[in-house]
């Protein structure tokens, strides 16, 4: 039986990995792109603009919401989603810091 060793890494590495996993599908990138154009978006509107079924879009929304990248409210049969800008800003900052560090360290690399 395999055991996860991710808890052996720091919270920053775990957080970046969770963001990367949440963004690791083109449908999720498309959903975020749609949501940034509006204050809020109904699930049906998102489905209408993607070549995916409603259940598949719902699963992608669930992953984005689980990662904290979006928030959603259920109002009867409707679900309205919007981008969680505070989390997006943290994601941006953390990745920018990582890439800046990698670029600096790259200059010390022998390759």
N, C-alpha and C. Protein backbone atom coordinates (compact mmCIF):
# COMPACT_ATOMS: atom_id res chain seq x y z
N UNK A 1 0.84 -1.18 0.00
CA UNK A 1 0.00 0.00 0.00
C UNK A 1 0.89 1.25 0.00
N UNK A 2 0.61 2.17 -0.89
CA UNK A 2 1.42 3.38 -1.02
C UNK A 2 0.95 4.43 -0.02
N UNK A 3 1.89 5.18 0.51
CA UNK A 3 1.58 6.25 1.44
C UNK A 3 2.02 7.57 0.84
N UNK A 4 1.21 8.59 1.03
CA UNK A 4 1.55 9.92 0.54
C UNK A 4 2.62 10.53 1.44
N UNK A 5 3.59 11.13 0.82
CA UNK A 5 4.65 11.78 1.59
C UNK A 5 4.60 13.30 1.45
N UNK A 6 3.47 13.81 0.94
CA UNK A 6 3.41 15.25 0.74
C UNK A 6 3.48 16.03 2.04
N UNK A 7 3.07 15.41 3.15
CA UNK A 7 3.14 16.12 4.43
C UNK A 7 4.58 16.36 4.88
N UNK A 8 5.53 15.72 4.22
CA UNK A 8 6.94 15.92 4.55
C UNK A 8 7.49 17.21 3.91
N UNK A 9 6.69 17.83 3.07
CA UNK A 9 7.07 19.09 2.44
C UNK A 9 6.43 20.25 3.19
N UNK A 10 6.99 21.42 3.00
CA UNK A 10 6.48 22.60 3.68
C UNK A 10 5.12 23.04 3.15
N UNK A 11 4.47 23.91 3.91
CA UNK A 11 3.14 24.39 3.52
C UNK A 11 3.19 25.18 2.22
N UNK A 12 4.28 25.90 1.96
CA UNK A 12 4.39 26.66 0.72
C UNK A 12 4.41 25.73 -0.49
N UNK A 13 5.19 24.65 -0.41
CA UNK A 13 5.25 23.68 -1.50
C UNK A 13 3.90 22.98 -1.69
N UNK A 14 3.26 22.64 -0.58
CA UNK A 14 1.96 21.99 -0.66
C UNK A 14 0.90 22.92 -1.25
N UNK A 15 0.95 24.18 -0.86
CA UNK A 15 0.00 25.17 -1.37
C UNK A 15 0.19 25.38 -2.88
N UNK A 16 1.43 25.54 -3.32
CA UNK A 16 1.70 25.71 -4.74
C UNK A 16 1.26 24.47 -5.54
N UNK A 17 1.51 23.30 -5.00
CA UNK A 17 1.10 22.07 -5.69
C UNK A 17 -0.42 21.99 -5.79
N UNK A 18 -1.13 22.40 -4.75
CA UNK A 18 -2.60 22.38 -4.79
C UNK A 18 -3.13 23.35 -5.84
N UNK A 19 -2.53 24.55 -5.91
CA UNK A 19 -2.92 25.51 -6.95
C UNK A 19 -2.66 24.93 -8.33
N UNK A 20 -1.47 24.36 -8.52
CA UNK A 20 -1.10 23.80 -9.82
C UNK A 20 -2.05 22.68 -10.21
N UNK A 21 -2.40 21.84 -9.27
CA UNK A 21 -3.32 20.74 -9.56
C UNK A 21 -4.70 21.27 -9.96
N UNK A 22 -5.16 22.31 -9.26
CA UNK A 22 -6.46 22.90 -9.58
C UNK A 22 -6.47 23.54 -10.96
N UNK A 23 -5.32 24.05 -11.39
CA UNK A 23 -5.23 24.71 -12.69
C UNK A 23 -4.82 23.78 -13.83
N UNK A 24 -4.60 22.52 -13.51
CA UNK A 24 -3.99 21.58 -14.46
C UNK A 24 -4.96 20.97 -15.46
N UNK A 25 -5.99 21.68 -15.82
CA UNK A 25 -6.90 21.20 -16.86
C UNK A 25 -7.37 22.40 -17.67
N UNK A 26 -7.38 22.29 -18.99
CA UNK A 26 -7.77 23.44 -19.82
C UNK A 26 -9.19 23.93 -19.55
N UNK A 27 -10.08 23.04 -19.14
CA UNK A 27 -11.45 23.46 -18.83
C UNK A 27 -11.48 24.40 -17.64
N UNK A 28 -10.63 24.15 -16.67
CA UNK A 28 -10.59 25.00 -15.48
C UNK A 28 -10.02 26.37 -15.81
N UNK A 29 -9.05 26.41 -16.69
CA UNK A 29 -8.50 27.69 -17.15
C UNK A 29 -9.60 28.46 -17.90
N UNK A 30 -10.35 27.77 -18.74
CA UNK A 30 -11.44 28.40 -19.48
C UNK A 30 -12.52 28.92 -18.53
N UNK A 31 -12.83 28.16 -17.50
CA UNK A 31 -13.82 28.59 -16.52
C UNK A 31 -13.36 29.86 -15.81
N UNK A 32 -12.11 29.88 -15.37
CA UNK A 32 -11.58 31.08 -14.72
C UNK A 32 -11.60 32.28 -15.67
N UNK A 33 -11.28 32.04 -16.93
CA UNK A 33 -11.31 33.12 -17.93
C UNK A 33 -12.72 33.68 -18.09
N UNK A 34 -13.71 32.80 -18.08
CA UNK A 34 -15.11 33.24 -18.17
C UNK A 34 -15.51 34.03 -16.93
N UNK A 35 -15.15 33.52 -15.77
CA UNK A 35 -15.56 34.16 -14.53
C UNK A 35 -14.94 35.53 -14.35
N UNK A 36 -13.74 35.75 -14.86
CA UNK A 36 -13.10 37.06 -14.67
C UNK A 36 -13.76 38.14 -15.51
N UNK A 37 -14.56 37.75 -16.48
CA UNK A 37 -15.24 38.72 -17.33
C UNK A 37 -16.55 39.23 -16.74
N UNK A 38 -17.01 38.57 -15.66
CA UNK A 38 -18.29 38.92 -15.06
C UNK A 38 -18.15 39.00 -13.55
N UNK A 39 -19.12 39.65 -12.92
CA UNK A 39 -19.12 39.71 -11.46
C UNK A 39 -19.50 38.35 -10.88
N UNK A 40 -20.34 37.64 -11.55
CA UNK A 40 -20.77 36.31 -11.13
C UNK A 40 -21.27 35.58 -12.34
N UNK A 41 -21.27 34.28 -12.28
CA UNK A 41 -21.66 33.52 -13.45
C UNK A 41 -22.45 32.29 -13.02
N UNK A 42 -23.58 32.07 -13.64
CA UNK A 42 -24.37 30.89 -13.38
C UNK A 42 -23.72 29.68 -14.03
N UNK A 43 -23.85 28.55 -13.41
CA UNK A 43 -23.28 27.31 -13.95
C UNK A 43 -23.76 27.07 -15.38
N UNK A 44 -25.03 27.34 -15.65
CA UNK A 44 -25.58 27.14 -16.99
C UNK A 44 -24.90 27.99 -18.04
N UNK A 45 -24.53 29.22 -17.69
CA UNK A 45 -23.82 30.09 -18.62
C UNK A 45 -22.45 29.52 -18.95
N UNK A 46 -21.79 28.98 -17.95
CA UNK A 46 -20.47 28.38 -18.15
C UNK A 46 -20.60 27.17 -19.07
N UNK A 47 -21.59 26.34 -18.82
CA UNK A 47 -21.82 25.14 -19.64
C UNK A 47 -22.07 25.53 -21.09
N UNK A 48 -22.84 26.59 -21.30
CA UNK A 48 -23.16 27.03 -22.66
C UNK A 48 -21.93 27.44 -23.45
N UNK A 49 -20.87 27.84 -22.76
CA UNK A 49 -19.67 28.33 -23.44
C UNK A 49 -18.53 27.32 -23.49
N UNK A 50 -18.76 26.12 -23.01
CA UNK A 50 -17.73 25.09 -23.03
C UNK A 50 -18.23 23.84 -23.75
N UNK A 51 -17.33 23.09 -24.38
CA UNK A 51 -17.75 21.88 -25.09
C UNK A 51 -17.82 20.67 -24.15
N UNK A 52 -18.43 20.89 -22.97
CA UNK A 52 -18.51 19.85 -21.96
C UNK A 52 -19.93 19.74 -21.42
N UNK A 53 -20.24 18.59 -20.87
CA UNK A 53 -21.56 18.39 -20.29
C UNK A 53 -21.66 19.17 -18.97
N UNK A 54 -22.90 19.35 -18.52
CA UNK A 54 -23.15 20.07 -17.28
C UNK A 54 -22.49 19.36 -16.10
N UNK A 55 -22.55 18.04 -16.07
CA UNK A 55 -21.95 17.31 -14.95
C UNK A 55 -20.43 17.44 -14.93
N UNK A 56 -19.81 17.48 -16.12
CA UNK A 56 -18.36 17.64 -16.19
C UNK A 56 -17.96 19.04 -15.74
N UNK A 57 -18.69 20.04 -16.17
CA UNK A 57 -18.42 21.42 -15.74
C UNK A 57 -18.59 21.53 -14.23
N UNK A 58 -19.62 20.91 -13.69
CA UNK A 58 -19.84 20.94 -12.25
C UNK A 58 -18.66 20.33 -11.49
N UNK A 59 -18.10 19.26 -12.03
CA UNK A 59 -16.95 18.62 -11.38
C UNK A 59 -15.73 19.56 -11.40
N UNK A 60 -15.53 20.25 -12.52
CA UNK A 60 -14.42 21.21 -12.60
C UNK A 60 -14.65 22.39 -11.65
N UNK A 61 -15.87 22.86 -11.55
CA UNK A 61 -16.20 23.92 -10.60
C UNK A 61 -15.93 23.46 -9.17
N UNK A 62 -16.27 22.23 -8.88
CA UNK A 62 -16.02 21.67 -7.55
C UNK A 62 -14.53 21.67 -7.22
N UNK A 63 -13.69 21.30 -8.19
CA UNK A 63 -12.23 21.29 -7.97
C UNK A 63 -11.70 22.71 -7.74
N UNK A 64 -12.17 23.66 -8.54
CA UNK A 64 -11.74 25.04 -8.37
C UNK A 64 -12.19 25.60 -7.02
N UNK A 65 -13.40 25.25 -6.63
CA UNK A 65 -13.93 25.72 -5.35
C UNK A 65 -13.17 25.07 -4.19
N UNK A 66 -12.88 23.80 -4.32
CA UNK A 66 -12.13 23.08 -3.28
C UNK A 66 -10.74 23.69 -3.07
N UNK A 67 -10.13 24.16 -4.14
CA UNK A 67 -8.82 24.80 -4.06
C UNK A 67 -8.92 26.24 -3.57
N UNK A 68 -10.15 26.75 -3.45
CA UNK A 68 -10.34 28.11 -2.98
C UNK A 68 -10.24 29.17 -4.05
N UNK A 69 -10.05 28.74 -5.31
CA UNK A 69 -9.87 29.71 -6.40
C UNK A 69 -11.17 30.40 -6.79
N UNK A 70 -12.29 29.76 -6.51
CA UNK A 70 -13.59 30.36 -6.77
C UNK A 70 -14.47 30.16 -5.54
N UNK A 71 -15.51 30.97 -5.46
CA UNK A 71 -16.52 30.77 -4.42
C UNK A 71 -17.85 30.63 -5.15
N UNK A 72 -18.78 30.00 -4.50
CA UNK A 72 -20.07 29.78 -5.13
C UNK A 72 -21.19 29.80 -4.13
N UNK A 73 -22.34 30.26 -4.60
CA UNK A 73 -23.55 30.29 -3.78
C UNK A 73 -24.64 29.54 -4.50
N UNK A 74 -25.35 28.73 -3.76
CA UNK A 74 -26.48 28.00 -4.33
C UNK A 74 -27.75 28.74 -3.94
N UNK A 75 -28.54 29.09 -4.95
CA UNK A 75 -29.82 29.78 -4.73
C UNK A 75 -30.89 28.95 -5.42
N UNK A 76 -31.45 28.02 -4.68
CA UNK A 76 -32.43 27.09 -5.26
C UNK A 76 -31.75 26.21 -6.28
N UNK A 77 -32.29 26.17 -7.49
CA UNK A 77 -31.69 25.31 -8.52
C UNK A 77 -30.48 25.94 -9.20
N UNK A 78 -30.17 27.19 -8.87
CA UNK A 78 -29.07 27.89 -9.52
C UNK A 78 -27.84 27.95 -8.63
N UNK A 79 -26.70 27.89 -9.27
CA UNK A 79 -25.42 28.06 -8.58
C UNK A 79 -24.68 29.19 -9.26
N UNK A 80 -24.29 30.19 -8.48
CA UNK A 80 -23.57 31.34 -9.01
C UNK A 80 -22.14 31.30 -8.49
N UNK A 81 -21.18 31.45 -9.39
CA UNK A 81 -19.77 31.35 -9.03
C UNK A 81 -19.05 32.64 -9.37
N UNK A 82 -18.02 32.94 -8.57
CA UNK A 82 -17.15 34.08 -8.86
C UNK A 82 -15.74 33.76 -8.39
N UNK A 83 -14.79 34.50 -8.93
CA UNK A 83 -13.38 34.28 -8.59
C UNK A 83 -13.10 34.81 -7.19
N UNK A 84 -12.33 34.06 -6.44
CA UNK A 84 -11.87 34.48 -5.12
C UNK A 84 -10.54 35.20 -5.35
N UNK A 85 -10.61 36.51 -5.50
CA UNK A 85 -9.44 37.29 -5.89
C UNK A 85 -8.32 37.26 -4.86
N UNK A 86 -8.66 37.14 -3.59
CA UNK A 86 -7.61 37.08 -2.56
C UNK A 86 -6.76 35.83 -2.74
N UNK A 87 -7.38 34.71 -3.05
CA UNK A 87 -6.63 33.47 -3.27
C UNK A 87 -5.86 33.54 -4.58
N UNK A 88 -6.45 34.12 -5.61
CA UNK A 88 -5.75 34.28 -6.90
C UNK A 88 -4.50 35.14 -6.70
N UNK A 89 -4.62 36.21 -5.93
CA UNK A 89 -3.46 37.08 -5.66
C UNK A 89 -2.36 36.31 -4.91
N UNK A 90 -2.75 35.49 -3.95
CA UNK A 90 -1.76 34.69 -3.21
C UNK A 90 -1.09 33.70 -4.15
N UNK A 91 -1.88 33.06 -4.99
CA UNK A 91 -1.35 32.11 -5.97
C UNK A 91 -0.35 32.82 -6.88
N UNK A 92 -0.73 33.97 -7.39
CA UNK A 92 0.14 34.75 -8.26
C UNK A 92 1.45 35.09 -7.55
N UNK A 93 1.35 35.60 -6.34
CA UNK A 93 2.53 35.98 -5.58
C UNK A 93 3.44 34.78 -5.32
N UNK A 94 2.86 33.67 -4.88
CA UNK A 94 3.66 32.49 -4.56
C UNK A 94 4.36 31.91 -5.78
N UNK A 95 3.65 31.85 -6.92
CA UNK A 95 4.28 31.35 -8.14
C UNK A 95 5.34 32.32 -8.64
N UNK A 96 5.07 33.61 -8.56
CA UNK A 96 6.04 34.61 -8.99
C UNK A 96 7.31 34.49 -8.16
N UNK A 97 7.16 34.31 -6.85
CA UNK A 97 8.31 34.13 -5.97
C UNK A 97 9.09 32.87 -6.35
N UNK A 98 8.37 31.78 -6.58
CA UNK A 98 9.02 30.53 -6.97
C UNK A 98 9.81 30.71 -8.26
N UNK A 99 9.18 31.28 -9.27
CA UNK A 99 9.85 31.44 -10.57
C UNK A 99 11.03 32.40 -10.48
N UNK A 100 10.92 33.44 -9.68
CA UNK A 100 12.04 34.36 -9.49
C UNK A 100 13.22 33.65 -8.84
N UNK A 101 12.92 32.82 -7.85
CA UNK A 101 13.96 32.04 -7.17
C UNK A 101 14.61 31.06 -8.14
N UNK A 102 13.78 30.38 -8.93
CA UNK A 102 14.33 29.42 -9.90
C UNK A 102 15.22 30.12 -10.92
N UNK A 103 14.80 31.28 -11.36
CA UNK A 103 15.59 32.03 -12.34
C UNK A 103 16.94 32.44 -11.75
N UNK A 104 16.93 32.89 -10.51
CA UNK A 104 18.17 33.28 -9.84
C UNK A 104 19.08 32.07 -9.67
N UNK A 105 18.52 30.96 -9.24
CA UNK A 105 19.30 29.74 -9.02
C UNK A 105 19.80 29.14 -10.33
N UNK A 106 19.06 29.35 -11.41
CA UNK A 106 19.43 28.81 -12.71
C UNK A 106 20.78 29.33 -13.16
N UNK A 107 21.11 30.53 -12.78
CA UNK A 107 22.38 31.11 -13.18
C UNK A 107 23.56 30.41 -12.49
N UNK A 108 23.29 29.64 -11.44
CA UNK A 108 24.33 28.89 -10.75
C UNK A 108 24.43 27.47 -11.30
N UNK A 109 23.50 27.10 -12.17
CA UNK A 109 23.45 25.74 -12.70
C UNK A 109 24.57 25.53 -13.71
N UNK A 110 25.06 24.30 -13.80
CA UNK A 110 26.15 23.99 -14.72
C UNK A 110 25.67 23.78 -16.16
N UNK A 111 24.37 23.69 -16.38
CA UNK A 111 23.84 23.41 -17.73
C UNK A 111 23.64 24.66 -18.54
